[in-house]
């Protein structure tokens, strides 16, 4: 069930990245309690707004938190 929720979850047009991030992190940990950071980052990128995704294209992130901080700077 959590995998389907992860696959289907997309960031809403007016949804802030922090709100989307919080939901995805929770779903990842419910699906696999010790999911590694790279997998979480992949899930975050998979459902984020395309405009945000395009702005982050080519950037590498070591942790989900690093992605969050960068996305928040872009949203400002």
Protein backbone atom coordinates (compact mmCIF):
# COMPACT_ATOMS: atom_id res chain seq x y z
CA UNK A 1 0.00 0.00 0.00
CA UNK A 2 2.75 2.48 0.91
CA UNK A 3 4.55 1.75 -2.36
CA UNK A 4 1.42 2.68 -4.33
CA UNK A 5 1.11 5.88 -2.30
CA UNK A 6 4.76 6.69 -3.03
CA UNK A 7 4.31 6.06 -6.75
CA UNK A 8 1.15 8.16 -6.95
CA UNK A 9 2.25 11.07 -4.73
CA UNK A 10 3.05 14.24 -6.64
CA UNK A 11 3.79 17.71 -5.34
CA UNK A 12 0.73 19.89 -5.81
CA UNK A 13 0.85 23.10 -7.84
CA UNK A 14 0.49 25.26 -4.74
CA UNK A 15 2.08 22.83 -2.27
CA UNK A 16 5.35 23.94 -0.70
CA UNK A 17 8.31 21.61 -1.06
CA UNK A 18 8.61 21.25 2.74
CA UNK A 19 5.03 19.90 2.92
CA UNK A 20 5.64 17.50 0.02
CA UNK A 21 9.03 16.49 1.52
CA UNK A 22 7.47 15.68 4.90
CA UNK A 23 4.87 13.37 3.35
CA UNK A 24 7.40 11.58 1.12
CA UNK A 25 9.86 11.03 3.98
CA UNK A 26 7.05 9.54 6.07
CA UNK A 27 5.89 7.26 3.23
CA UNK A 28 9.47 6.12 2.53
CA UNK A 29 10.03 5.15 6.16
CA UNK A 30 6.68 3.36 6.32
CA UNK A 31 7.53 1.40 3.15
CA UNK A 32 11.13 0.54 4.16
CA UNK A 33 12.11 1.55 7.68
CA UNK A 34 15.80 1.94 6.83
CA UNK A 35 15.53 3.21 3.24
CA UNK A 36 18.84 4.76 2.20
CA UNK A 37 19.21 8.44 1.37
CA UNK A 38 19.71 7.91 -2.37
CA UNK A 39 16.41 6.04 -2.67
CA UNK A 40 14.60 8.76 -0.71
CA UNK A 41 16.12 11.43 -2.96
CA UNK A 42 14.93 9.49 -6.00
CA UNK A 43 11.37 9.35 -4.61
CA UNK A 44 11.47 13.07 -3.80
CA UNK A 45 12.61 13.93 -7.32
CA UNK A 46 10.07 11.59 -8.93
CA UNK A 47 7.07 13.55 -7.69
CA UNK A 48 8.32 17.11 -7.37
CA UNK A 49 6.95 19.89 -9.56
CA UNK A 50 8.52 19.79 -13.01
CA UNK A 51 9.58 23.44 -12.74
CA UNK A 52 11.50 22.70 -9.55
CA UNK A 53 12.93 19.50 -10.99
CA UNK A 54 14.25 21.39 -14.02
CA UNK A 55 15.95 23.97 -11.79
CA UNK A 56 17.67 21.18 -9.83
CA UNK A 57 18.75 19.30 -12.98
CA UNK A 58 22.43 18.35 -12.83
CA UNK A 59 22.80 18.96 -9.10
CA UNK A 60 23.83 16.11 -6.81
CA UNK A 61 22.61 15.74 -3.23
CA UNK A 62 24.17 13.57 -0.53
CA UNK A 63 21.15 13.69 1.76
CA UNK A 64 17.43 14.40 1.50
CA UNK A 65 18.02 17.36 3.82
CA UNK A 66 20.47 18.88 1.33
CA UNK A 67 17.82 18.58 -1.39
CA UNK A 68 15.26 20.18 0.93
CA UNK A 69 17.51 23.16 1.67
CA UNK A 70 18.28 23.72 -2.01
CA UNK A 71 14.61 23.43 -3.01
CA UNK A 72 13.61 25.90 -0.31
CA UNK A 73 16.15 28.43 -1.61
CA UNK A 74 14.72 28.06 -5.11
CA UNK A 75 11.14 28.50 -3.86
CA UNK A 76 11.93 31.87 -2.26
